[in-house]
Amino acid sequence: MRSVLFCSTLFLAVASVAVGADKPVTIRFQAQVGEEAFACGRQYEGIGVTKSKISGRDFRFYVSNVRLLDSMGKETPVELDQDGKWQLDDLALLDFEDGTAHCSNGTPEMNRQITGKVPEGSYTGLRFTLGVPFNNNHADPLTQPSPLNLTALFWVWNAGHKFARIEFASTGTPRGFFVHLGSTGCTPNDTKVTIPTGCNSPNRVEVNFPSFDPSHDTVIADLLALLQNTNVDATQNRVEANTEGPAPVGAGCMSGPDDADCAGLFLNFGLPFGGRPATEQKFFRVGKAPFTDPSVQAAAKH
């Protein structure tokens, strides 16, 4: 009888530890242009190699495979909350536009954080991937759950999703400069709806912060840093054909391996381009949380 009671007590103790083993975690993101917060229609100066003036029109991207690191660099996956809107499996959509001003392709709702849980422990760093995992990337968005059901973030089945959609107008490109990051060279590609088995240029970005504290830090996506090697006032003369119809002539970077508008952008995304090997990404950096720019607070109320 005593052994039964002892085992029962031990089982309950172990069970209680297991139930309380996970803790919630929130990873905050902020879209900025240098030290200024991104907002639809807001103007920013000193951008790119020509030090141009730009006006924001879109700023969204997918993040997946989020992991926290301990002091030895060991990874622990973050189990994302399945909220039915922004997070699905191990993927999340970050959305910094609110559909106002010139962000006409956007939505009123915004999302600036990833939420989930991890086992109790001490974590000192963060890793994640900018992009949609291959297994989730090549299907009809009309049949996929949110956040993979946005046609504005999709090309065609063969190419898949736009991992990042960043758009703005500049002094030299008033019709708009597009930064659409996604996989290219996907095969087989017999038709636009052919499901590929691989892509020559996956174009997913691995981001690594050895020092990151979710309770005090924010992941900053800095458009100024991304554009610092790009001429945003001129684009190569061509037309992108996609499911949304033809884009304006000289629309910007569409992630093609011979797309000259992508050269400086891929450098700062940390991706290989034109025979140049991958480098350290410069788009994301660590800042302090919370970020309290009044324009962002106002935009979030729309």
C-alpha atoms as a PDB file:
ATOM      1  CA  MET A   1       0.000   0.000   0.000  1.00  0.00           C
ATOM      2  CA  ARG A   2       2.813   2.374   0.938  1.00  0.00           C
ATOM      3  CA  SER A   3       4.572   1.684  -2.365  1.00  0.00           C
ATOM      4  CA  VAL A   4       1.352   2.471  -4.226  1.00  0.00           C
ATOM      5  CA  LEU A   5       0.967   5.765  -2.345  1.00  0.00           C
ATOM      6  CA  PHE A   6       4.625   6.615  -2.912  1.00  0.00           C
ATOM      7  CA  CYS A   7       4.368   5.929  -6.642  1.00  0.00           C
ATOM      8  CA  SER A   8       1.142   7.935  -6.875  1.00  0.00           C
ATOM      9  CA  THR A   9       2.743  10.860  -5.077  1.00  0.00           C
ATOM     10  CA  LEU A  10       5.818  10.641  -7.291  1.00  0.00           C
ATOM     11  CA  PHE A  11       3.647  10.516 -10.414  1.00  0.00           C
ATOM     12  CA  LEU A  12       1.704  13.596  -9.331  1.00  0.00           C
ATOM     13  CA  ALA A  13       4.916  15.465  -8.578  1.00  0.00           C
ATOM     14  CA  VAL A  14       6.392  14.618 -11.958  1.00  0.00           C
ATOM     15  CA  ALA A  15       3.126  15.478 -13.676  1.00  0.00           C
ATOM     16  CA  SER A  16       2.956  18.855 -11.953  1.00  0.00           C
ATOM     17  CA  VAL A  17       6.488  19.631 -13.076  1.00  0.00           C
ATOM     18  CA  ALA A  18       5.626  18.622 -16.636  1.00  0.00           C
ATOM     19  CA  VAL A  19       2.465  20.759 -16.661  1.00  0.00           C
ATOM     20  CA  GLY A  20       4.407  23.787 -15.450  1.00  0.00           C
ATOM     21  CA  ALA A  21       7.435  23.154 -17.634  1.00  0.00           C
ATOM     22  CA  ASP A  22       6.561  25.644 -20.365  1.00  0.00           C
ATOM     23  CA  LYS A  23       6.573  29.427 -20.094  1.00  0.00           C
ATOM     24  CA  PRO A  24       5.077  31.992 -22.464  1.00  0.00           C
ATOM     25  CA  VAL A  25       7.363  34.077 -24.642  1.00  0.00           C
ATOM     26  CA  THR A  26       6.694  37.144 -26.781  1.00  0.00           C
ATOM     27  CA  ILE A  27       9.141  38.290 -29.441  1.00  0.00           C
ATOM     28  CA  ARG A  28       8.506  41.856 -30.549  1.00  0.00           C
ATOM     29  CA  PHE A  29       9.264  43.239 -33.990  1.00  0.00           C
ATOM     30  CA  GLN A  30       9.418  46.818 -35.195  1.00  0.00           C
ATOM     31  CA  ALA A  31       9.626  48.198 -38.753  1.00  0.00           C
ATOM     32  CA  GLN A  32      11.839  51.243 -38.955  1.00  0.00           C
ATOM     33  CA  VAL A  33      13.581  53.489 -41.438  1.00  0.00           C
ATOM     34  CA  GLY A  34      16.779  54.251 -39.571  1.00  0.00           C
ATOM     35  CA  GLU A  35      15.635  55.577 -36.205  1.00  0.00           C
ATOM     36  CA  GLU A  36      12.120  56.436 -37.396  1.00  0.00           C
ATOM     37  CA  ALA A  37       9.147  54.074 -37.276  1.00  0.00           C
ATOM     38  CA  PHE A  38       7.601  52.960 -40.554  1.00  0.00           C
ATOM     39  CA  ALA A  39       4.083  54.228 -41.240  1.00  0.00           C
ATOM     40  CA  CYS A  40       1.970  54.275 -44.388  1.00  0.00           C
ATOM     41  CA  GLY A  41       2.389  57.530 -46.288  1.00  0.00           C
ATOM     42  CA  ARG A  42       5.122  58.835 -44.005  1.00  0.00           C
ATOM     43  CA  GLN A  43       8.126  60.343 -45.803  1.00  0.00           C
ATOM     44  CA  TYR A  44      11.759  59.529 -45.092  1.00  0.00           C
ATOM     45  CA  GLU A  45      14.869  61.233 -46.437  1.00  0.00           C
ATOM     46  CA  GLY A  46      18.441  60.159 -47.126  1.00  0.00           C
ATOM     47  CA  ILE A  47      17.547  56.761 -48.612  1.00  0.00           C
ATOM     48  CA  GLY A  48      19.823  54.641 -50.804  1.00  0.00           C
ATOM     49  CA  VAL A  49      22.833  55.651 -52.849  1.00  0.00           C
ATOM     50  CA  THR A  50      21.076  58.789 -54.161  1.00  0.00           C
ATOM     51  CA  LYS A  51      19.899  59.897 -50.689  1.00  0.00           C
ATOM     52  CA  SER A  52      16.368  60.002 -52.029  1.00  0.00           C
ATOM     53  CA  LYS A  53      13.081  60.749 -50.315  1.00  0.00           C
ATOM     54  CA  ILE A  54      10.623  57.855 -50.045  1.00  0.00           C
ATOM     55  CA  SER A  55       7.046  57.352 -48.866  1.00  0.00           C
ATOM     56  CA  GLY A  56       5.977  54.011 -47.367  1.00  0.00           C
ATOM     57  CA  ARG A  57       3.342  51.856 -49.110  1.00  0.00           C
ATOM     58  CA  ASP A  58       3.735  48.340 -47.665  1.00  0.00           C
ATOM     59  CA  PHE A  59       5.848  46.461 -45.089  1.00  0.00           C
ATOM     60  CA  ARG A  60       5.052  42.802 -44.400  1.00  0.00           C
ATOM     61  CA  PHE A  61       7.095  39.633 -44.068  1.00  0.00           C
ATOM     62  CA  TYR A  62       6.875  36.008 -42.973  1.00  0.00           C
ATOM     63  CA  VAL A  63       9.068  34.542 -40.225  1.00  0.00           C
ATOM     64  CA  SER A  64       9.457  30.826 -39.484  1.00  0.00           C
ATOM     65  CA  ASN A  65      11.508  28.339 -37.460  1.00  0.00           C
ATOM     66  CA  VAL A  66      11.849  30.614 -34.430  1.00  0.00           C
ATOM     67  CA  ARG A  67      14.337  29.382 -31.848  1.00  0.00           C
ATOM     68  CA  LEU A  68      15.744  30.657 -28.561  1.00  0.00           C
ATOM     69  CA  LEU A  69      19.396  30.017 -27.683  1.00  0.00           C
ATOM     70  CA  ASP A  70      21.057  29.258 -24.392  1.00  0.00           C
ATOM     71  CA  SER A  71      24.514  30.497 -23.422  1.00  0.00           C
ATOM     72  CA  MET A  72      26.115  27.529 -25.209  1.00  0.00           C
ATOM     73  CA  GLY A  73      24.226  28.225 -28.435  1.00  0.00           C
ATOM     74  CA  LYS A  74      21.835  25.287 -28.049  1.00  0.00           C
ATOM     75  CA  GLU A  75      18.562  25.898 -29.883  1.00  0.00           C
ATOM     76  CA  THR A  76      15.094  25.475 -28.383  1.00  0.00           C
ATOM     77  CA  PRO A  77      12.188  25.850 -30.849  1.00  0.00           C
ATOM     78  CA  VAL A  78       9.436  28.266 -29.867  1.00  0.00           C
ATOM     79  CA  GLU A  79       6.059  26.524 -30.026  1.00  0.00           C
ATOM     80  CA  LEU A  80       3.945  29.233 -31.632  1.00  0.00           C
ATOM     81  CA  ASP A  81       0.426  29.980 -30.443  1.00  0.00           C
ATOM     82  CA  GLN A  82      -2.031  28.864 -33.120  1.00  0.00           C
ATOM     83  CA  ASP A  83      -4.192  31.993 -33.206  1.00  0.00           C
ATOM     84  CA  GLY A  84      -5.982  31.334 -36.496  1.00  0.00           C
ATOM     85  CA  LYS A  85      -4.841  34.623 -38.034  1.00  0.00           C
ATOM     86  CA  TRP A  86      -1.171  35.568 -37.729  1.00  0.00           C
ATOM     87  CA  GLN A  87       0.475  32.258 -36.769  1.00  0.00           C
ATOM     88  CA  LEU A  88       0.254  28.794 -38.316  1.00  0.00           C
ATOM     89  CA  ASP A  89       2.434  25.806 -37.391  1.00  0.00           C
ATOM     90  CA  ASP A  90       5.933  27.314 -37.027  1.00  0.00           C
ATOM     91  CA  LEU A  91       5.239  30.327 -39.250  1.00  0.00           C
ATOM     92  CA  ALA A  92       4.112  33.889 -38.455  1.00  0.00           C
ATOM     93  CA  LEU A  93       3.222  36.971 -40.486  1.00  0.00           C
ATOM     94  CA  LEU A  94       4.485  40.353 -39.283  1.00  0.00           C
ATOM     95  CA  ASP A  95       2.430  43.235 -40.697  1.00  0.00           C
ATOM     96  CA  PHE A  96       3.377  46.900 -40.207  1.00  0.00           C
ATOM     97  CA  GLU A  97       0.981  48.555 -42.656  1.00  0.00           C
ATOM     98  CA  ASP A  98      -2.591  49.513 -41.817  1.00  0.00           C
ATOM     99  CA  GLY A  99      -4.179  49.989 -45.241  1.00  0.00           C
ATOM    100  CA  THR A 100      -4.243  53.794 -44.950  1.00  0.00           C
ATOM    101  CA  ALA A 101      -2.646  56.484 -47.148  1.00  0.00           C
ATOM    102  CA  HIS A 102      -0.949  54.731 -50.105  1.00  0.00           C
ATOM    103  CA  CYS A 103      -0.970  51.259 -48.500  1.00  0.00           C
ATOM    104  CA  SER A 104      -3.957  50.352 -50.672  1.00  0.00           C
ATOM    105  CA  ASN A 105      -2.977  46.665 -50.966  1.00  0.00           C
ATOM    106  CA  GLY A 106      -2.907  46.241 -47.208  1.00  0.00           C
ATOM    107  CA  THR A 107      -5.342  45.580 -44.387  1.00  0.00           C
ATOM    108  CA  PRO A 108      -6.369  47.598 -41.308  1.00  0.00           C
ATOM    109  CA  GLU A 109      -5.047  44.956 -38.920  1.00  0.00           C
ATOM    110  CA  MET A 110      -1.393  45.027 -37.865  1.00  0.00           C
ATOM    111  CA  ASN A 111       0.828  42.505 -36.100  1.00  0.00           C
ATOM    112  CA  ARG A 112       4.162  43.347 -34.482  1.00  0.00           C
ATOM    113  CA  GLN A 113       4.867  40.275 -32.365  1.00  0.00           C
ATOM    114  CA  ILE A 114       5.257  36.523 -32.250  1.00  0.00           C
ATOM    115  CA  THR A 115       3.848  34.649 -29.264  1.00  0.00           C
ATOM    116  CA  GLY A 116       4.438  31.101 -28.113  1.00  0.00           C
ATOM    117  CA  LYS A 117       5.971  29.029 -25.374  1.00  0.00           C
ATOM    118  CA  VAL A 118       9.280  27.367 -24.515  1.00  0.00           C
ATOM    119  CA  PRO A 119      10.425  25.079 -21.713  1.00  0.00           C
ATOM    120  CA  GLU A 120      11.529  26.811 -18.544  1.00  0.00           C
ATOM    121  CA  GLY A 121      15.172  27.754 -18.826  1.00  0.00           C
ATOM    122  CA  SER A 122      17.691  30.509 -19.335  1.00  0.00           C
ATOM    123  CA  TYR A 123      17.829  31.894 -22.876  1.00  0.00           C
ATOM    124  CA  THR A 124      20.276  34.465 -24.174  1.00  0.00           C
ATOM    125  CA  GLY A 125      19.812  34.519 -27.962  1.00  0.00           C
ATOM    126  CA  LEU A 126      17.414  34.243 -30.891  1.00  0.00           C
ATOM    127  CA  ARG A 127      17.384  32.648 -34.351  1.00  0.00           C
ATOM    128  CA  PHE A 128      14.688  32.677 -37.008  1.00  0.00           C
ATOM    129  CA  THR A 129      14.201  32.396 -40.754  1.00  0.00           C
ATOM    130  CA  LEU A 130      12.827  35.125 -42.972  1.00  0.00           C
ATOM    131  CA  GLY A 131      10.629  33.141 -45.358  1.00  0.00           C
ATOM    132  CA  VAL A 132       7.975  30.461 -45.733  1.00  0.00           C
ATOM    133  CA  PRO A 133       9.093  26.802 -45.340  1.00  0.00           C
ATOM    134  CA  PHE A 134       9.167  24.906 -48.642  1.00  0.00           C
ATOM    135  CA  ASN A 135       6.408  22.492 -47.609  1.00  0.00           C
ATOM    136  CA  ASN A 136       4.025  25.429 -46.985  1.00  0.00           C
ATOM    137  CA  ASN A 137       5.116  27.556 -49.909  1.00  0.00           C
ATOM    138  CA  HIS A 138       3.613  26.035 -53.049  1.00  0.00           C
ATOM    139  CA  ALA A 139      -0.155  25.592 -52.793  1.00  0.00           C
ATOM    140  CA  ASP A 140      -3.283  27.501 -53.728  1.00  0.00           C
ATOM    141  CA  PRO A 141      -3.553  30.387 -51.214  1.00  0.00           C
ATOM    142  CA  LEU A 142      -7.345  30.311 -51.541  1.00  0.00           C
ATOM    143  CA  THR A 143      -7.367  26.887 -49.862  1.00  0.00           C
ATOM    144  CA  GLN A 144      -4.743  27.611 -47.210  1.00  0.00           C
ATOM    145  CA  PRO A 145      -5.465  28.861 -43.690  1.00  0.00           C
ATOM    146  CA  SER A 146      -4.431  32.294 -42.494  1.00  0.00           C
ATOM    147  CA  PRO A 147      -1.841  33.800 -42.731  1.00  0.00           C
ATOM    148  CA  LEU A 148      -0.995  31.919 -45.957  1.00  0.00           C
ATOM    149  CA  ASN A 149      -4.239  32.929 -47.660  1.00  0.00           C
ATOM    150  CA  LEU A 150      -3.294  36.486 -48.630  1.00  0.00           C
ATOM    151  CA  THR A 151      -3.128  36.778 -52.421  1.00  0.00           C
ATOM    152  CA  ALA A 152      -1.180  40.047 -52.049  1.00  0.00           C
ATOM    153  CA  LEU A 153       1.662  37.947 -50.616  1.00  0.00           C
ATOM    154  CA  PHE A 154       1.593  35.291 -53.327  1.00  0.00           C
ATOM    155  CA  TRP A 155       2.950  34.975 -56.871  1.00  0.00           C
ATOM    156  CA  VAL A 156       1.844  31.674 -58.430  1.00  0.00           C
ATOM    157  CA  TRP A 157       1.850  28.090 -57.115  1.00  0.00           C
ATOM    158  CA  ASN A 158       5.183  27.332 -58.769  1.00  0.00           C
ATOM    159  CA  ALA A 159       7.005  30.310 -57.232  1.00  0.00           C
ATOM    160  CA  GLY A 160       5.021  30.434 -54.020  1.00  0.00           C
ATOM    161  CA  HIS A 161       4.702  33.216 -51.468  1.00  0.00           C
ATOM    162  CA  LYS A 162       6.377  36.580 -51.254  1.00  0.00           C
ATOM    163  CA  PHE A 163       8.425  36.140 -48.097  1.00  0.00           C
ATOM    164  CA  ALA A 164       8.618  39.914 -47.795  1.00  0.00           C
ATOM    165  CA  ARG A 165       6.573  42.604 -49.472  1.00  0.00           C
ATOM    166  CA  ILE A 166       8.043  46.065 -48.963  1.00  0.00           C
ATOM    167  CA  GLU A 167       6.938  48.915 -51.201  1.00  0.00           C
ATOM    168  CA  PHE A 168       7.469  52.656 -51.364  1.00  0.00           C
ATOM    169  CA  ALA A 169       7.475  55.559 -53.787  1.00  0.00           C
ATOM    170  CA  SER A 170      10.653  57.593 -54.231  1.00  0.00           C
ATOM    171  CA  THR A 171      11.611  60.882 -55.842  1.00  0.00           C
ATOM    172  CA  GLY A 172      12.694  59.058 -59.006  1.00  0.00           C
ATOM    173  CA  THR A 173      10.106  56.237 -58.940  1.00  0.00           C
ATOM    174  CA  PRO A 174       6.806  57.918 -58.004  1.00  0.00           C
ATOM    175  CA  ARG A 175       4.842  54.932 -59.346  1.00  0.00           C
ATOM    176  CA  GLY A 176       6.520  52.751 -56.758  1.00  0.00           C
ATOM    177  CA  PHE A 177       9.606  50.661 -56.031  1.00  0.00           C
ATOM    178  CA  PHE A 178       8.848  47.070 -55.010  1.00  0.00           C
ATOM    179  CA  VAL A 179      10.947  44.749 -52.848  1.00  0.00           C
ATOM    180  CA  HIS A 180       9.343  41.321 -53.257  1.00  0.00           C
ATOM    181  CA  LEU A 181      11.478  38.568 -51.764  1.00  0.00           C
ATOM    182  CA  GLY A 182      10.706  34.934 -52.562  1.00  0.00           C
ATOM    183  CA  SER A 183      12.004  31.727 -54.113  1.00  0.00           C
ATOM    184  CA  THR A 184      12.879  31.641 -57.820  1.00  0.00           C
ATOM    185  CA  GLY A 185      14.059  29.020 -60.307  1.00  0.00           C
ATOM    186  CA  CYS A 186      11.587  26.470 -58.946  1.00  0.00           C
ATOM    187  CA  THR A 187      11.302  23.255 -60.960  1.00  0.00           C
ATOM    188  CA  PRO A 188       9.587  21.534 -62.573  1.00  0.00           C
ATOM    189  CA  ASN A 189       7.852  24.629 -63.938  1.00  0.00           C
ATOM    190  CA  ASP A 190       5.752  23.330 -66.817  1.00  0.00           C
ATOM    191  CA  THR A 191       2.884  25.626 -65.802  1.00  0.00           C
ATOM    192  CA  LYS A 192       2.288  28.331 -63.201  1.00  0.00           C
ATOM    193  CA  VAL A 193       0.398  25.815 -61.058  1.00  0.00           C
ATOM    194  CA  THR A 194       3.012  23.059 -61.271  1.00  0.00           C
ATOM    195  CA  ILE A 195       4.073  22.110 -57.746  1.00  0.00           C
ATOM    196  CA  PRO A 196       7.900  22.160 -57.714  1.00  0.00           C
ATOM    197  CA  THR A 197      10.220  19.714 -56.048  1.00  0.00           C
ATOM    198  CA  GLY A 198      12.920  22.315 -55.437  1.00  0.00           C
ATOM    199  CA  CYS A 199      14.084  25.854 -56.167  1.00  0.00           C
ATOM    200  CA  ASN A 200      17.481  26.962 -57.480  1.00  0.00           C
ATOM    201  CA  SER A 201      17.272  30.146 -55.409  1.00  0.00           C
ATOM    202  CA  PRO A 202      15.342  29.461 -52.183  1.00  0.00           C
ATOM    203  CA  ASN A 203      16.101  33.010 -50.921  1.00  0.00           C
ATOM    204  CA  ARG A 204      15.329  32.303 -47.280  1.00  0.00           C
ATOM    205  CA  VAL A 205      17.322  34.405 -44.821  1.00  0.00           C
ATOM    206  CA  GLU A 206      18.725  32.898 -41.622  1.00  0.00           C
ATOM    207  CA  VAL A 207      18.890  35.511 -38.847  1.00  0.00           C
ATOM    208  CA  ASN A 208      21.047  34.965 -35.771  1.00  0.00           C
ATOM    209  CA  PHE A 209      21.274  37.126 -32.635  1.00  0.00           C
ATOM    210  CA  PRO A 210      23.589  35.509 -30.037  1.00  0.00           C
ATOM    211  CA  SER A 211      22.478  38.169 -27.566  1.00  0.00           C
ATOM    212  CA  PHE A 212      18.720  38.734 -27.320  1.00  0.00           C
ATOM    213  CA  ASP A 213      16.406  39.006 -24.303  1.00  0.00           C
ATOM    214  CA  PRO A 214      12.704  38.810 -25.273  1.00  0.00           C
ATOM    215  CA  SER A 215      11.684  40.691 -22.132  1.00  0.00           C
ATOM    216  CA  HIS A 216      13.813  43.719 -23.014  1.00  0.00           C
ATOM    217  CA  ASP A 217      14.720  43.532 -26.707  1.00  0.00           C
ATOM    218  CA  THR A 218      12.946  44.072 -30.017  1.00  0.00           C
ATOM    219  CA  VAL A 219      13.834  42.782 -33.485  1.00  0.00           C
ATOM    220  CA  ILE A 220      14.113  45.850 -35.723  1.00  0.00           C
ATOM    221  CA  ALA A 221      13.611  45.479 -39.473  1.00  0.00           C
ATOM    222  CA  ASP A 222      15.448  48.533 -40.829  1.00  0.00           C
ATOM    223  CA  LEU A 223      14.518  49.663 -44.340  1.00  0.00           C
ATOM    224  CA  LEU A 224      17.278  52.293 -44.340  1.00  0.00           C
ATOM    225  CA  ALA A 225      19.901  49.570 -43.851  1.00  0.00           C
ATOM    226  CA  LEU A 226      18.288  47.316 -46.464  1.00  0.00           C
ATOM    227  CA  LEU A 227      18.327  50.063 -49.117  1.00  0.00           C
ATOM    228  CA  GLN A 228      21.715  51.590 -48.405  1.00  0.00           C
ATOM    229  CA  ASN A 229      23.370  50.011 -51.498  1.00  0.00           C
ATOM    230  CA  THR A 230      20.411  50.510 -53.865  1.00  0.00           C
ATOM    231  CA  ASN A 231      19.475  53.303 -56.250  1.00  0.00           C
ATOM    232  CA  VAL A 232      15.786  53.688 -55.404  1.00  0.00           C
ATOM    233  CA  ASP A 233      15.351  56.424 -58.025  1.00  0.00           C
ATOM    234  CA  ALA A 234      15.894  54.166 -61.044  1.00  0.00           C
ATOM    235  CA  THR A 235      15.013  50.569 -61.889  1.00  0.00           C
ATOM    236  CA  GLN A 236      15.764  48.299 -64.808  1.00  0.00           C
ATOM    237  CA  ASN A 237      13.219  48.536 -67.619  1.00  0.00           C
ATOM    238  CA  ARG A 238      10.950  45.496 -67.465  1.00  0.00           C
ATOM    239  CA  VAL A 239       7.501  44.318 -66.414  1.00  0.00           C
ATOM    240  CA  GLU A 240       6.748  41.690 -63.776  1.00  0.00           C
ATOM    241  CA  ALA A 241       3.913  39.340 -64.691  1.00  0.00           C
ATOM    242  CA  ASN A 242       2.174  37.718 -61.739  1.00  0.00           C
ATOM    243  CA  THR A 243      -1.266  36.770 -60.447  1.00  0.00           C
ATOM    244  CA  GLU A 244      -1.970  40.396 -59.562  1.00  0.00           C
ATOM    245  CA  GLY A 245      -1.470  41.571 -63.143  1.00  0.00           C
ATOM    246  CA  PRO A 246       1.430  43.423 -64.746  1.00  0.00           C
ATOM    247  CA  ALA A 247       3.448  45.589 -62.400  1.00  0.00           C
ATOM    248  CA  PRO A 248       4.595  49.082 -63.413  1.00  0.00           C
ATOM    249  CA  VAL A 249       7.620  49.268 -65.698  1.00  0.00           C
ATOM    250  CA  GLY A 250      10.811  49.167 -63.662  1.00  0.00           C
ATOM    251  CA  ALA A 251       9.032  47.897 -60.556  1.00  0.00           C
ATOM    252  CA  GLY A 252      12.122  47.005 -58.518  1.00  0.00           C
ATOM    253  CA  CYS A 253      13.382  43.709 -57.110  1.00  0.00           C
ATOM    254  CA  MET A 254      11.368  40.574 -57.826  1.00  0.00           C
ATOM    255  CA  SER A 255      14.089  38.159 -56.603  1.00  0.00           C
ATOM    256  CA  GLY A 256      15.234  36.954 -60.031  1.00  0.00           C
ATOM    257  CA  PRO A 257      18.896  35.869 -60.285  1.00  0.00           C
ATOM    258  CA  ASP A 258      19.475  38.367 -63.132  1.00  0.00           C
ATOM    259  CA  ASP A 259      17.384  41.173 -61.622  1.00  0.00           C
ATOM    260  CA  ALA A 260      19.837  44.046 -61.289  1.00  0.00           C
ATOM    261  CA  ASP A 261      17.526  45.858 -58.874  1.00  0.00           C
ATOM    262  CA  CYS A 262      18.124  43.021 -56.387  1.00  0.00           C
ATOM    263  CA  ALA A 263      21.932  43.268 -56.225  1.00  0.00           C
ATOM    264  CA  GLY A 264      22.231  45.734 -53.329  1.00  0.00           C
ATOM    265  CA  LEU A 265      19.132  44.409 -51.606  1.00  0.00           C
ATOM    266  CA  PHE A 266      20.361  40.811 -51.596  1.00  0.00           C
ATOM    267  CA  LEU A 267      23.699  42.005 -50.224  1.00  0.00           C
ATOM    268  CA  ASN A 268      21.914  43.413 -47.173  1.00  0.00           C
ATOM    269  CA  PHE A 269      19.486  40.498 -46.920  1.00  0.00           C
ATOM    270  CA  GLY A 270      22.652  38.378 -46.645  1.00  0.00           C
ATOM    271  CA  LEU A 271      21.787  36.340 -49.758  1.00  0.00           C
ATOM    272  CA  PRO A 272      24.054  35.255 -52.627  1.00  0.00           C
ATOM    273  CA  PHE A 273      23.610  37.091 -55.918  1.00  0.00           C
ATOM    274  CA  GLY A 274      25.273  37.005 -59.336  1.00  0.00           C
ATOM    275  CA  GLY A 275      28.155  34.784 -58.224  1.00  0.00           C
ATOM    276  CA  ARG A 276      28.689  36.744 -55.007  1.00  0.00           C
ATOM    277  CA  PRO A 277      28.470  34.511 -51.914  1.00  0.00           C
ATOM    278  CA  ALA A 278      26.113  35.112 -49.029  1.00  0.00           C
ATOM    279  CA  THR A 279      27.171  37.684 -46.454  1.00  0.00           C
ATOM    280  CA  GLU A 280      25.999  38.741 -43.000  1.00  0.00           C
ATOM    281  CA  GLN A 281      22.469  40.144 -43.189  1.00  0.00           C
ATOM    282  CA  LYS A 282      21.963  43.817 -42.244  1.00  0.00           C
ATOM    283  CA  PHE A 283      18.188  44.128 -42.505  1.00  0.00           C
ATOM    284  CA  PHE A 284      17.467  42.983 -38.949  1.00  0.00           C
ATOM    285  CA  ARG A 285      19.094  44.278 -35.775  1.00  0.00           C
ATOM    286  CA  VAL A 286      18.377  44.252 -32.057  1.00  0.00           C
ATOM    287  CA  GLY A 287      16.808  47.248 -30.326  1.00  0.00           C
ATOM    288  CA  LYS A 288      15.224  47.888 -26.970  1.00  0.00           C
ATOM    289  CA  ALA A 289      11.536  47.268 -26.273  1.00  0.00           C
ATOM    290  CA  PRO A 290       9.016  48.713 -26.259  1.00  0.00           C
ATOM    291  CA  PHE A 291       9.276  51.132 -29.149  1.00  0.00           C
ATOM    292  CA  THR A 292       6.935  54.070 -28.539  1.00  0.00           C
ATOM    293  CA  ASP A 293       6.877  56.199 -31.689  1.00  0.00           C
ATOM    294  CA  PRO A 294       3.629  58.262 -31.543  1.00  0.00           C
ATOM    295  CA  SER A 295       2.924  57.756 -35.259  1.00  0.00           C
ATOM    296  CA  VAL A 296       2.967  53.970 -34.844  1.00  0.00           C
ATOM    297  CA  GLN A 297       0.670  54.142 -31.827  1.00  0.00           C
ATOM    298  CA  ALA A 298      -1.724  56.316 -33.802  1.00  0.00           C
ATOM    299  CA  ALA A 299      -1.602  54.020 -36.829  1.00  0.00           C
ATOM    300  CA  ALA A 300      -2.344  50.983 -34.671  1.00  0.00           C
ATOM    301  CA  LYS A 301      -5.664  52.565 -33.653  1.00  0.00           C
ATOM    302  CA  HIS A 302      -7.036  52.695 -37.210  1.00  0.00           C
END
